PDB file of N, CA and C in Angstrom:
ATOM      1  N   LEU A   1     -37.947 160.381 -97.177  1.00  0.00           N
ATOM      2  CA  LEU A   1     -37.633 159.755 -98.455  1.00  0.00           C
ATOM      3  C   LEU A   1     -38.754 158.814 -98.877  1.00  0.00           C
ATOM      4  N   ASP A   2     -38.975 158.767-100.181  1.00  0.00           N
ATOM      5  CA  ASP A   2     -39.985 157.839-100.688  1.00  0.00           C
ATOM      6  C   ASP A   2     -39.370 156.453-100.872  1.00  0.00           C
ATOM      7  N   ALA A   3     -40.228 155.468-101.069  1.00  0.00           N
ATOM      8  CA  ALA A   3     -39.788 154.076-101.177  1.00  0.00           C
ATOM      9  C   ALA A   3     -38.880 153.853-102.384  1.00  0.00           C
ATOM     10  N   LEU A   4     -39.148 154.544-103.488  1.00  0.00           N
ATOM     11  CA  LEU A   4     -38.354 154.369-104.704  1.00  0.00           C
ATOM     12  C   LEU A   4     -36.909 154.822-104.500  1.00  0.00           C
ATOM     13  N   SER A   5     -36.719 155.859-103.712  1.00  0.00           N
ATOM     14  CA  SER A   5     -35.366 156.366-103.451  1.00  0.00           C
ATOM     15  C   SER A   5     -34.546 155.413-102.594  1.00  0.00           C
ATOM     16  N   ARG A   6     -35.221 154.584-101.826  1.00  0.00           N
ATOM     17  CA  ARG A   6     -34.514 153.653-100.949  1.00  0.00           C
ATOM     18  C   ARG A   6     -34.150 152.339-101.624  1.00  0.00           C
ATOM     19  N   LEU A   7     -34.667 152.127-102.829  1.00  0.00           N
ATOM     20  CA  LEU A   7     -34.339 150.893-103.556  1.00  0.00           C
ATOM     21  C   LEU A   7     -32.880 150.904-103.993  1.00  0.00           C
ATOM     22  N   PRO A   8     -32.267 149.733-104.130  1.00  0.00           N
ATOM     23  CA  PRO A   8     -30.897 149.676-104.660  1.00  0.00           C
ATOM     24  C   PRO A   8     -30.861 150.277-106.074  1.00  0.00           C
ATOM     25  N   THR A   9     -29.753 150.893-106.409  1.00  0.00           N
ATOM     26  CA  THR A   9     -29.601 151.556-107.704  1.00  0.00           C
ATOM     27  C   THR A   9     -29.864 150.595-108.861  1.00  0.00           C
ATOM     28  N   SER A  10     -29.419 149.348-108.731  1.00  0.00           N
ATOM     29  CA  SER A  10     -29.622 148.384-109.824  1.00  0.00           C
ATOM     30  C   SER A  10     -31.115 148.160-110.102  1.00  0.00           C
ATOM     31  N   ILE A  11     -31.937 148.177-109.064  1.00  0.00           N
ATOM     32  CA  ILE A  11     -33.385 148.006-109.228  1.00  0.00           C
ATOM     33  C   ILE A  11     -33.981 149.243-109.904  1.00  0.00           C
ATOM     34  N   VAL A  12     -33.535 150.427-109.484  1.00  0.00           N
ATOM     35  CA  VAL A  12     -34.024 151.673-110.086  1.00  0.00           C
ATOM     36  C   VAL A  12     -33.622 151.729-111.561  1.00  0.00           C
ATOM     37  N   VAL A  13     -32.417 151.260-111.882  1.00  0.00           N
ATOM     38  CA  VAL A  13     -31.977 151.205-113.290  1.00  0.00           C
ATOM     39  C   VAL A  13     -32.896 150.276-114.076  1.00  0.00           C
ATOM     40  N   ASP A  14     -33.238 149.122-113.503  1.00  0.00           N
ATOM     41  CA  ASP A  14     -34.147 148.187-114.180  1.00  0.00           C
ATOM     42  C   ASP A  14     -35.517 148.819-114.423  1.00  0.00           C
ATOM     43  N   ILE A  15     -36.007 149.563-113.453  1.00  0.00           N
ATOM     44  CA  ILE A  15     -37.305 150.236-113.604  1.00  0.00           C
ATOM     45  C   ILE A  15     -37.209 151.331-114.662  1.00  0.00           C
ATOM     46  N   ALA A  16     -36.164 152.154-114.579  1.00  0.00           N
ATOM     47  CA  ALA A  16     -35.996 153.258-115.525  1.00  0.00           C
ATOM     48  C   ALA A  16     -35.816 152.749-116.955  1.00  0.00           C
ATOM     49  N   ALA A  17     -35.204 151.588-117.108  1.00  0.00           N
ATOM     50  CA  ALA A  17     -34.977 151.028-118.445  1.00  0.00           C
ATOM     51  C   ALA A  17     -36.288 150.656-119.136  1.00  0.00           C
ATOM     52  N   ARG A  18     -37.341 150.510-118.364  1.00  0.00           N
ATOM     53  CA  ARG A  18     -38.638 150.164-118.942  1.00  0.00           C
ATOM     54  C   ARG A  18     -39.486 151.394-119.279  1.00  0.00           C
ATOM     55  N   LEU A  19     -38.964 152.560-118.986  1.00  0.00           N
ATOM     56  CA  LEU A  19     -39.673 153.813-119.288  1.00  0.00           C
ATOM     57  C   LEU A  19     -39.343 154.286-120.689  1.00  0.00           C
ATOM     58  N   ASP A  20     -40.218 155.126-121.251  1.00  0.00           N
ATOM     59  CA  ASP A  20     -39.885 155.771-122.522  1.00  0.00           C
ATOM     60  C   ASP A  20     -38.895 156.896-122.231  1.00  0.00           C
ATOM     61  N   LEU A  21     -38.246 157.415-123.253  1.00  0.00           N
ATOM     62  CA  LEU A  21     -37.175 158.401-123.061  1.00  0.00           C
ATOM     63  C   LEU A  21     -37.662 159.690-122.403  1.00  0.00           C
ATOM     64  N   THR A  22     -38.869 160.113-122.703  1.00  0.00           N
ATOM     65  CA  THR A  22     -39.418 161.316-122.060  1.00  0.00           C
ATOM     66  C   THR A  22     -39.552 161.099-120.566  1.00  0.00           C
ATOM     67  N   SER A  23     -40.022 159.934-120.174  1.00  0.00           N
ATOM     68  CA  SER A  23     -40.170 159.620-118.751  1.00  0.00           C
ATOM     69  C   SER A  23     -38.820 159.487-118.054  1.00  0.00           C
ATOM     70  N   VAL A  24     -37.821 158.947-118.752  1.00  0.00           N
ATOM     71  CA  VAL A  24     -36.470 158.872-118.184  1.00  0.00           C
ATOM     72  C   VAL A  24     -35.956 160.291-117.913  1.00  0.00           C
ATOM     73  N   SER A  25     -36.175 161.181-118.874  1.00  0.00           N
ATOM     74  CA  SER A  25     -35.755 162.576-118.710  1.00  0.00           C
ATOM     75  C   SER A  25     -36.466 163.225-117.525  1.00  0.00           C
ATOM     76  N   ARG A  26     -37.751 162.990-117.408  1.00  0.00           N
ATOM     77  CA  ARG A  26     -38.521 163.565-116.283  1.00  0.00           C
ATOM     78  C   ARG A  26     -38.091 162.968-114.955  1.00  0.00           C
ATOM     79  N   LEU A  27     -37.818 161.665-114.924  1.00  0.00           N
ATOM     80  CA  LEU A  27     -37.353 161.029-113.692  1.00  0.00           C
ATOM     81  C   LEU A  27     -36.037 161.665-113.240  1.00  0.00           C
ATOM     82  N   GLY A  28     -35.184 162.013-114.183  1.00  0.00           N
ATOM     83  CA  GLY A  28     -33.913 162.647-113.846  1.00  0.00           C
ATOM     84  C   GLY A  28     -34.070 164.024-113.211  1.00  0.00           C
ATOM     85  N   CYS A  29     -35.233 164.623-113.374  1.00  0.00           N
ATOM     86  CA  CYS A  29     -35.494 165.954-112.779  1.00  0.00           C
ATOM     87  C   CYS A  29     -36.036 165.868-111.356  1.00  0.00           C
ATOM     88  N   VAL A  30     -36.336 164.669-110.883  1.00  0.00           N
ATOM     89  CA  VAL A  30     -36.967 164.501-109.573  1.00  0.00           C
ATOM     90  C   VAL A  30     -35.999 164.800-108.430  1.00  0.00           C
ATOM     91  N   SER A  31     -34.779 164.297-108.527  1.00  0.00           N
ATOM     92  CA  SER A  31     -33.801 164.500-107.446  1.00  0.00           C
ATOM     93  C   SER A  31     -32.396 164.240-107.982  1.00  0.00           C
ATOM     94  N   ARG A  32     -31.407 164.570-107.172  1.00  0.00           N
ATOM     95  CA  ARG A  32     -30.010 164.298-107.567  1.00  0.00           C
ATOM     96  C   ARG A  32     -29.783 162.796-107.739  1.00  0.00           C
ATOM     97  N   HIS A  33     -30.379 162.033-106.840  1.00  0.00           N
ATOM     98  CA  HIS A  33     -30.234 160.575-106.904  1.00  0.00           C
ATOM     99  C   HIS A  33     -30.733 160.055-108.248  1.00  0.00           C
ATOM    100  N   PHE A  34     -31.941 160.469-108.621  1.00  0.00           N
ATOM    101  CA  PHE A  34     -32.502 159.992-109.880  1.00  0.00           C
ATOM    102  C   PHE A  34     -31.793 160.585-111.098  1.00  0.00           C
ATOM    103  N   ARG A  35     -31.271 161.787-110.967  1.00  0.00           N
ATOM    104  CA  ARG A  35     -30.473 162.349-112.061  1.00  0.00           C
ATOM    105  C   ARG A  35     -29.245 161.485-112.298  1.00  0.00           C
ATOM    106  N   GLY A  36     -28.611 161.065-111.207  1.00  0.00           N
ATOM    107  CA  GLY A  36     -27.448 160.188-111.328  1.00  0.00           C
ATOM    108  C   GLY A  36     -27.797 158.862-111.996  1.00  0.00           C
ATOM    109  N   VAL A  37     -28.936 158.303-111.619  1.00  0.00           N
ATOM    110  CA  VAL A  37     -29.387 157.049-112.231  1.00  0.00           C
ATOM    111  C   VAL A  37     -29.654 157.259-113.716  1.00  0.00           C
ATOM    112  N   CYS A  38     -30.341 158.346-114.046  1.00  0.00           N
ATOM    113  CA  CYS A  38     -30.737 158.601-115.441  1.00  0.00           C
ATOM    114  C   CYS A  38     -29.559 158.992-116.324  1.00  0.00           C
ATOM    115  N   GLU A  39     -28.475 159.399-115.746  1.00  0.00           N
ATOM    116  CA  GLU A  39     -27.272 159.727-116.518  1.00  0.00           C
ATOM    117  C   GLU A  39     -26.248 158.594-116.483  1.00  0.00           C
ATOM    118  N   SER A  40     -26.536 157.534-115.750  1.00  0.00           N
ATOM    119  CA  SER A  40     -25.552 156.471-115.530  1.00  0.00           C
ATOM    120  C   SER A  40     -25.319 155.627-116.774  1.00  0.00           C
ATOM    121  N   ASN A  41     -24.090 155.162-116.898  1.00  0.00           N
ATOM    122  CA  ASN A  41     -23.750 154.239-117.983  1.00  0.00           C
ATOM    123  C   ASN A  41     -24.552 152.946-117.870  1.00  0.00           C
ATOM    124  N   ALA A  42     -24.841 152.526-116.637  1.00  0.00           N
ATOM    125  CA  ALA A  42     -25.592 151.283-116.438  1.00  0.00           C
ATOM    126  C   ALA A  42     -26.961 151.363-117.120  1.00  0.00           C
ATOM    127  N   LEU A  43     -27.661 152.487-116.958  1.00  0.00           N
ATOM    128  CA  LEU A  43     -28.980 152.641-117.573  1.00  0.00           C
ATOM    129  C   LEU A  43     -28.876 152.678-119.083  1.00  0.00           C
ATOM    130  N   TRP A  44     -27.959 153.470-119.630  1.00  0.00           N
ATOM    131  CA  TRP A  44     -27.887 153.648-121.075  1.00  0.00           C
ATOM    132  C   TRP A  44     -27.351 152.396-121.769  1.00  0.00           C
ATOM    133  N   GLU A  45     -26.490 151.662-121.097  1.00  0.00           N
ATOM    134  CA  GLU A  45     -26.036 150.384-121.654  1.00  0.00           C
ATOM    135  C   GLU A  45     -27.215 149.410-121.732  1.00  0.00           C
ATOM    136  N   LYS A  46     -27.995 149.360-120.665  1.00  0.00           N
ATOM    137  CA  LYS A  46     -29.161 148.476-120.637  1.00  0.00           C
ATOM    138  C   LYS A  46     -30.161 148.881-121.726  1.00  0.00           C
ATOM    139  N   LEU A  47     -30.405 150.191-121.881  1.00  0.00           N
ATOM    140  CA  LEU A  47     -31.321 150.671-122.924  1.00  0.00           C
ATOM    141  C   LEU A  47     -30.796 150.311-124.312  1.00  0.00           C
ATOM    142  N   TYR A  48     -29.491 150.455-124.510  1.00  0.00           N
ATOM    143  CA  TYR A  48     -28.898 150.117-125.806  1.00  0.00           C
ATOM    144  C   TYR A  48     -29.108 148.635-126.111  1.00  0.00           C
ATOM    145  N   TRP A  49     -28.816 147.791-125.134  1.00  0.00           N
ATOM    146  CA  TRP A  49     -28.975 146.344-125.327  1.00  0.00           C
ATOM    147  C   TRP A  49     -30.431 145.983-125.575  1.00  0.00           C
ATOM    148  N   MET A  50     -31.353 146.618-124.848  1.00  0.00           N
ATOM    149  CA  MET A  50     -32.775 146.319-125.006  1.00  0.00           C
ATOM    150  C   MET A  50     -33.271 146.710-126.399  1.00  0.00           C
ATOM    151  N   ASN A  51     -32.722 147.784-126.951  1.00  0.00           N
ATOM    152  CA  ASN A  51     -33.178 148.265-128.255  1.00  0.00           C
ATOM    153  C   ASN A  51     -32.438 147.640-129.427  1.00  0.00           C
ATOM    154  N   ASN A  52     -31.219 147.178-129.203  1.00  0.00           N
ATOM    155  CA  ASN A  52     -30.402 146.669-130.301  1.00  0.00           C
ATOM    156  C   ASN A  52     -30.056 145.196-130.183  1.00  0.00           C
ATOM    157  N   GLY A  53     -30.292 144.611-129.039  1.00  0.00           N
ATOM    158  CA  GLY A  53     -29.941 143.211-128.822  1.00  0.00           C
ATOM    159  C   GLY A  53     -28.481 143.069-128.427  1.00  0.00           C
ATOM    160  N   ARG A  54     -28.185 142.053-127.700  1.00  0.00           N
ATOM    161  CA  ARG A  54     -26.813 141.827-127.221  1.00  0.00           C
ATOM    162  C   ARG A  54     -25.844 141.539-128.364  1.00  0.00           C
ATOM    163  N   ALA A  55     -26.356 140.963-129.443  1.00  0.00           N
ATOM    164  CA  ALA A  55     -25.484 140.646-130.581  1.00  0.00           C
ATOM    165  C   ALA A  55     -24.910 141.911-131.205  1.00  0.00           C
ATOM    166  N   ALA A  56     -25.600 143.043-131.060  1.00  0.00           N
ATOM    167  CA  ALA A  56     -25.140 144.299-131.653  1.00  0.00           C
ATOM    168  C   ALA A  56     -24.020 144.947-130.838  1.00  0.00           C
ATOM    169  N   VAL A  57     -23.702 144.390-129.671  1.00  0.00           N
ATOM    170  CA  VAL A  57     -22.698 144.981-128.796  1.00  0.00           C
ATOM    171  C   VAL A  57     -21.386 144.228-128.965  1.00  0.00           C
ATOM    172  N   SER A  58     -20.602 144.659-129.945  1.00  0.00           N
ATOM    173  CA  SER A  58     -19.305 144.034-130.196  1.00  0.00           C
ATOM    174  C   SER A  58     -18.270 144.581-129.215  1.00  0.00           C
ATOM    175  N   ASP A  59     -17.105 143.989-129.217  1.00  0.00           N
ATOM    176  CA  ASP A  59     -16.022 144.482-128.364  1.00  0.00           C
ATOM    177  C   ASP A  59     -15.653 145.907-128.738  1.00  0.00           C
ATOM    178  N   GLU A  60     -15.721 146.225-130.047  1.00  0.00           N
ATOM    179  CA  GLU A  60     -15.408 147.584-130.490  1.00  0.00           C
ATOM    180  C   GLU A  60     -16.419 148.582-129.938  1.00  0.00           C
ATOM    181  N   VAL A  61     -17.705 148.227-129.971  1.00  0.00           N
ATOM    182  CA  VAL A  61     -18.745 149.116-129.436  1.00  0.00           C
ATOM    183  C   VAL A  61     -18.527 149.323-127.942  1.00  0.00           C
ATOM    184  N   LYS A  62     -18.179 148.258-127.228  1.00  0.00           N
ATOM    185  CA  LYS A  62     -17.903 148.380-125.794  1.00  0.00           C
ATOM    186  C   LYS A  62     -16.713 149.302-125.539  1.00  0.00           C
ATOM    187  N   ALA A  63     -15.675 149.193-126.370  1.00  0.00           N
ATOM    188  CA  ALA A  63     -14.489 150.042-126.208  1.00  0.00           C
ATOM    189  C   ALA A  63     -14.832 151.508-126.470  1.00  0.00           C
ATOM    190  N   ILE A  64     -15.642 151.761-127.489  1.00  0.00           N
ATOM    191  CA  ILE A  64     -16.045 153.134-127.783  1.00  0.00           C
ATOM    192  C   ILE A  64     -16.913 153.673-126.657  1.00  0.00           C
ATOM    193  N   ALA A  65     -17.835 152.851-126.155  1.00  0.00           N
ATOM    194  CA  ALA A  65     -18.703 153.262-125.048  1.00  0.00           C
ATOM    195  C   ALA A  65     -17.893 153.590-123.801  1.00  0.00           C
ATOM    196  N   LYS A  66     -16.809 152.860-123.605  1.00  0.00           N
ATOM    197  CA  LYS A  66     -15.941 153.134-122.451  1.00  0.00           C
ATOM    198  C   LYS A  66     -15.341 154.540-122.565  1.00  0.00           C
ATOM    199  N   ASP A  67     -15.045 154.955-123.797  1.00  0.00           N
ATOM    200  CA  ASP A  67     -14.463 156.285-124.022  1.00  0.00           C
ATOM    201  C   ASP A  67     -15.501 157.403-124.003  1.00  0.00           C
ATOM    202  N   VAL A  68     -16.644 157.188-124.675  1.00  0.00           N
ATOM    203  CA  VAL A  68     -17.604 158.287-124.851  1.00  0.00           C
ATOM    204  C   VAL A  68     -18.852 158.148-123.988  1.00  0.00           C
ATOM    205  N   GLY A  69     -19.105 156.974-123.434  1.00  0.00           N
ATOM    206  CA  GLY A  69     -20.282 156.747-122.599  1.00  0.00           C
ATOM    207  C   GLY A  69     -21.410 156.100-123.382  1.00  0.00           C
ATOM    208  N   TRP A  70     -22.202 155.300-122.679  1.00  0.00           N
ATOM    209  CA  TRP A  70     -23.283 154.556-123.314  1.00  0.00           C
ATOM    210  C   TRP A  70     -24.413 155.458-123.783  1.00  0.00           C
ATOM    211  N   LYS A  71     -24.619 156.585-123.111  1.00  0.00           N
ATOM    212  CA  LYS A  71     -25.699 157.491-123.536  1.00  0.00           C
ATOM    213  C   LYS A  71     -25.410 158.016-124.938  1.00  0.00           C
ATOM    214  N   LYS A  72     -24.176 158.388-125.175  1.00  0.00           N
ATOM    215  CA  LYS A  72     -23.802 158.882-126.500  1.00  0.00           C
ATOM    216  C   LYS A  72     -23.925 157.772-127.546  1.00  0.00           C
ATOM    217  N   ILE A  73     -23.523 156.564-127.191  1.00  0.00           N
ATOM    218  CA  ILE A  73     -23.662 155.424-128.101  1.00  0.00           C
ATOM    219  C   ILE A  73     -25.134 155.185-128.414  1.00  0.00           C
ATOM    220  N   TYR A  74     -25.992 155.288-127.400  1.00  0.00           N
ATOM    221  CA  TYR A  74     -27.419 155.052-127.588  1.00  0.00           C
ATOM    222  C   TYR A  74     -28.004 156.003-128.640  1.00  0.00           C
ATOM    223  N   PHE A  75     -27.603 157.265-128.588  1.00  0.00           N
ATOM    224  CA  PHE A  75     -28.165 158.257-129.502  1.00  0.00           C
ATOM    225  C   PHE A  75     -27.397 158.374-130.821  1.00  0.00           C
ATOM    226  N   MET A  76     -26.266 157.706-130.913  1.00  0.00           N
ATOM    227  CA  MET A  76     -25.470 157.739-132.138  1.00  0.00           C
ATOM    228  C   MET A  76     -26.178 156.913-133.212  1.00  0.00           C
ATOM    229  N   ASN A  77     -26.253 157.454-134.431  1.00  0.00           N
ATOM    230  CA  ASN A  77     -26.896 156.648-135.477  1.00  0.00           C
ATOM    231  C   ASN A  77     -25.929 155.567-135.945  1.00  0.00           C
ATOM    232  N   LYS A  78     -26.454 154.591-136.652  1.00  0.00           N
ATOM    233  CA  LYS A  78     -25.665 153.420-137.040  1.00  0.00           C
ATOM    234  C   LYS A  78     -24.470 153.780-137.916  1.00  0.00           C
ATOM    235  N   LEU A  79     -24.621 154.761-138.790  1.00  0.00           N
ATOM    236  CA  LEU A  79     -23.516 155.177-139.655  1.00  0.00           C
ATOM    237  C   LEU A  79     -22.392 155.786-138.817  1.00  0.00           C
ATOM    238  N   GLN A  80     -22.742 156.656-137.883  1.00  0.00           N
ATOM    239  CA  GLN A  80     -21.727 157.255-137.010  1.00  0.00           C
ATOM    240  C   GLN A  80     -21.021 156.184-136.192  1.00  0.00           C
ATOM    241  N   LEU A  81     -21.781 155.227-135.693  1.00  0.00           N
ATOM    242  CA  LEU A  81     -21.197 154.156-134.887  1.00  0.00           C
ATOM    243  C   LEU A  81     -20.257 153.309-135.735  1.00  0.00           C
ATOM    244  N   ARG A  82     -20.672 153.004-136.967  1.00  0.00           N
ATOM    245  CA  ARG A  82     -19.806 152.229-137.870  1.00  0.00           C
ATOM    246  C   ARG A  82     -18.498 152.975-138.137  1.00  0.00           C
ATOM    247  N   MET A  83     -18.590 154.289-138.326  1.00  0.00           N
ATOM    248  CA  MET A  83     -17.379 155.091-138.555  1.00  0.00           C
ATOM    249  C   MET A  83     -16.465 155.037-137.341  1.00  0.00           C
ATOM    250  N   GLN A  84     -17.030 155.114-136.138  1.00  0.00           N
ATOM    251  CA  GLN A  84     -16.231 155.045-134.913  1.00  0.00           C
ATOM    252  C   GLN A  84     -15.552 153.684-134.785  1.00  0.00           C
ATOM    253  N   VAL A  85     -16.271 152.615-135.106  1.00  0.00           N
ATOM    254  CA  VAL A  85     -15.702 151.269-135.041  1.00  0.00           C
ATOM    255  C   VAL A  85     -14.557 151.140-136.035  1.00  0.00           C
ATOM    256  N   THR A  86     -14.741 151.670-137.248  1.00  0.00           N
ATOM    257  CA  THR A  86     -13.686 151.626-138.269  1.00  0.00           C
ATOM    258  C   THR A  86     -12.447 152.369-137.798  1.00  0.00           C
ATOM    259  N   ARG A  87     -12.648 153.549-137.212  1.00  0.00           N
ATOM    260  CA  ARG A  87     -11.511 154.329-136.682  1.00  0.00           C
ATOM    261  C   ARG A  87     -10.777 153.550-135.593  1.00  0.00           C
ATOM    262  N   LEU A  88     -11.545 152.921-134.716  1.00  0.00           N
ATOM    263  CA  LEU A  88     -10.935 152.140-133.633  1.00  0.00           C
ATOM    264  C   LEU A  88     -10.127 150.982-134.199  1.00  0.00           C
ATOM    265  N   ARG A  89     -10.670 150.291-135.190  1.00  0.00           N
ATOM    266  CA  ARG A  89      -9.942 149.177-135.809  1.00  0.00           C
ATOM    267  C   ARG A  89      -8.666 149.670-136.473  1.00  0.00           C
ATOM    268  N   GLU A  90      -8.741 150.815-137.165  1.00  0.00           N
ATOM    269  CA  GLU A  90      -7.545 151.374-137.810  1.00  0.00           C
ATOM    270  C   GLU A  90      -6.505 151.755-136.765  1.00  0.00           C
ATOM    271  N   LYS A  91      -6.976 152.341-135.680  1.00  0.00           N
ATOM    272  CA  LYS A  91      -6.076 152.745-134.595  1.00  0.00           C
ATOM    273  C   LYS A  91      -5.382 151.522-133.986  1.00  0.00           C
ATOM    274  N   ARG A  92      -6.167 150.467-133.752  1.00  0.00           N
ATOM    275  CA  ARG A  92      -5.601 149.231-133.199  1.00  0.00           C
ATOM    276  C   ARG A  92      -4.631 148.597-134.187  1.00  0.00           C
ATOM    277  N   GLY A  93      -4.987 148.621-135.467  1.00  0.00           N
ATOM    278  CA  GLY A  93      -4.126 148.057-136.502  1.00  0.00           C
ATOM    279  C   GLY A  93      -2.805 148.776-136.585  1.00  0.00           C
ATOM    280  N   SER A  94      -2.826 150.116-136.495  1.00  0.00           N
ATOM    281  CA  SER A  94      -1.572 150.867-136.578  1.00  0.00           C
ATOM    282  C   SER A  94      -0.713 150.620-135.345  1.00  0.00           C
ATOM    283  N   LYS A  95      -1.336 150.422-134.183  1.00  0.00           N
ATOM    284  CA  LYS A  95      -0.572 150.101-132.973  1.00  0.00           C
ATOM    285  C   LYS A  95       0.102 148.742-133.108  1.00  0.00           C
ATOM    286  N   GLU A  96      -0.631 147.782-133.670  1.00  0.00           N
ATOM    287  CA  GLU A  96      -0.063 146.448-133.867  1.00  0.00           C
ATOM    288  C   GLU A  96       1.078 146.493-134.879  1.00  0.00           C
ATOM    289  N   GLU A  97       0.924 147.296-135.929  1.00  0.00           N
ATOM    290  CA  GLU A  97       1.985 147.436-136.930  1.00  0.00           C
ATOM    291  C   GLU A  97       3.220 148.070-136.310  1.00  0.00           C
ATOM    292  N   MET A  98       3.020 149.107-135.469  1.00  0.00           N
ATOM    293  CA  MET A  98       4.152 149.757-134.809  1.00  0.00           C
ATOM    294  C   MET A  98       4.863 148.783-133.896  1.00  0.00           C
ATOM    295  N   SER A  99       4.106 147.981-133.166  1.00  0.00           N
ATOM    296  CA  SER A  99       4.685 147.009-132.257  1.00  0.00           C
ATOM    297  C   SER A  99       5.496 145.972-133.035  1.00  0.00           C
ATOM    298  N   ALA A 100       4.955 145.504-134.157  1.00  0.00           N
ATOM    299  CA  ALA A 100       5.666 144.526-134.982  1.00  0.00           C
ATOM    300  C   ALA A 100       6.935 145.145-135.563  1.00  0.00           C
ATOM    301  N   ALA A 101       6.872 146.406-135.987  1.00  0.00           N
ATOM    302  CA  ALA A 101       8.039 147.089-136.544  1.00  0.00           C
ATOM    303  C   ALA A 101       9.120 147.246-135.471  1.00  0.00           C
ATOM    304  N   GLN A 102       8.724 147.605-134.260  1.00  0.00           N
ATOM    305  CA  GLN A 102       9.688 147.746-133.169  1.00  0.00           C
ATOM    306  C   GLN A 102      10.345 146.409-132.870  1.00  0.00           C
ATOM    307  N   HIS A 103       9.569 145.348-132.919  1.00  0.00           N
ATOM    308  CA  HIS A 103      10.107 144.011-132.685  1.00  0.00           C
ATOM    309  C   HIS A 103      11.131 143.658-133.763  1.00  0.00           C
ATOM    310  N   ARG A 104      10.823 143.979-135.030  1.00  0.00           N
ATOM    311  CA  ARG A 104      11.759 143.688-136.124  1.00  0.00           C
ATOM    312  C   ARG A 104      13.049 144.484-135.958  1.00  0.00           C
ATOM    313  N   VAL A 105      12.936 145.752-135.550  1.00  0.00           N
ATOM    314  CA  VAL A 105      14.120 146.590-135.348  1.00  0.00           C
ATOM    315  C   VAL A 105      14.980 146.010-134.237  1.00  0.00           C
ATOM    316  N   THR A 106      14.360 145.606-133.144  1.00  0.00           N
ATOM    317  CA  THR A 106      15.083 145.014-132.022  1.00  0.00           C
ATOM    318  C   THR A 106      15.786 143.726-132.463  1.00  0.00           C
ATOM    319  N   PHE A 107      15.094 142.903-133.217  1.00  0.00           N
ATOM    320  CA  PHE A 107      15.643 141.642-133.689  1.00  0.00           C
ATOM    321  C   PHE A 107      16.839 141.878-134.593  1.00  0.00           C
ATOM    322  N   VAL A 108      16.717 142.817-135.535  1.00  0.00           N
ATOM    323  CA  VAL A 108      17.804 143.117-136.464  1.00  0.00           C
ATOM    324  C   VAL A 108      18.994 143.696-135.713  1.00  0.00           C
ATOM    325  N   THR A 109      18.756 144.598-134.761  1.00  0.00           N
ATOM    326  CA  THR A 109      19.835 145.207-133.994  1.00  0.00           C
ATOM    327  C   THR A 109      20.588 144.157-133.187  1.00  0.00           C
ATOM    328  N   GLU A 110      19.872 143.241-132.564  1.00  0.00           N
ATOM    329  CA  GLU A 110      20.519 142.201-131.780  1.00  0.00           C
ATOM    330  C   GLU A 110      21.287 141.227-132.671  1.00  0.00           C
ATOM    331  N   GLU A 111      20.765 140.999-133.870  1.00  0.00           N
ATOM    332  CA  GLU A 111      21.395 140.087-134.795  1.00  0.00           C
ATOM    333  C   GLU A 111      22.746 140.635-135.267  1.00  0.00           C
ATOM    334  N   LYS A 112      22.874 141.965-135.432  1.00  0.00           N
ATOM    335  CA  LYS A 112      24.099 142.599-135.912  1.00  0.00           C
ATOM    336  C   LYS A 112      25.197 142.589-134.861  1.00  0.00           C
ATOM    337  N   LYS A 113      24.827 142.491-133.600  1.00  0.00           N
ATOM    338  CA  LYS A 113      25.830 142.521-132.518  1.00  0.00           C
ATOM    339  C   LYS A 113      26.638 141.324-132.579  1.00  0.00           C
TER     340      LYS A 113
END
């Protein structure tokens, strides 16, 4: 094994995050270990933050990334990402409305007893 393969994954992610995308792709072809690093959410999250800044990572973006993965978020254009955030907010809003409606039904039912 070479020295790079023996490094902790977090260090390899830090190194890979400083490469251009072509080099990241080539590094992923070196071995299974490096393919795993190059496909990892840790690497793509770090790349996203490095390119967009931490302020661009809202709770909604984190929730979407949890569902689809940071690599997909990284390559998603801003309009697509905005649409996903809007959908998530609408979905959360409808869940909150349903919860409030269920609470009102329970309250009214108990009141009639």
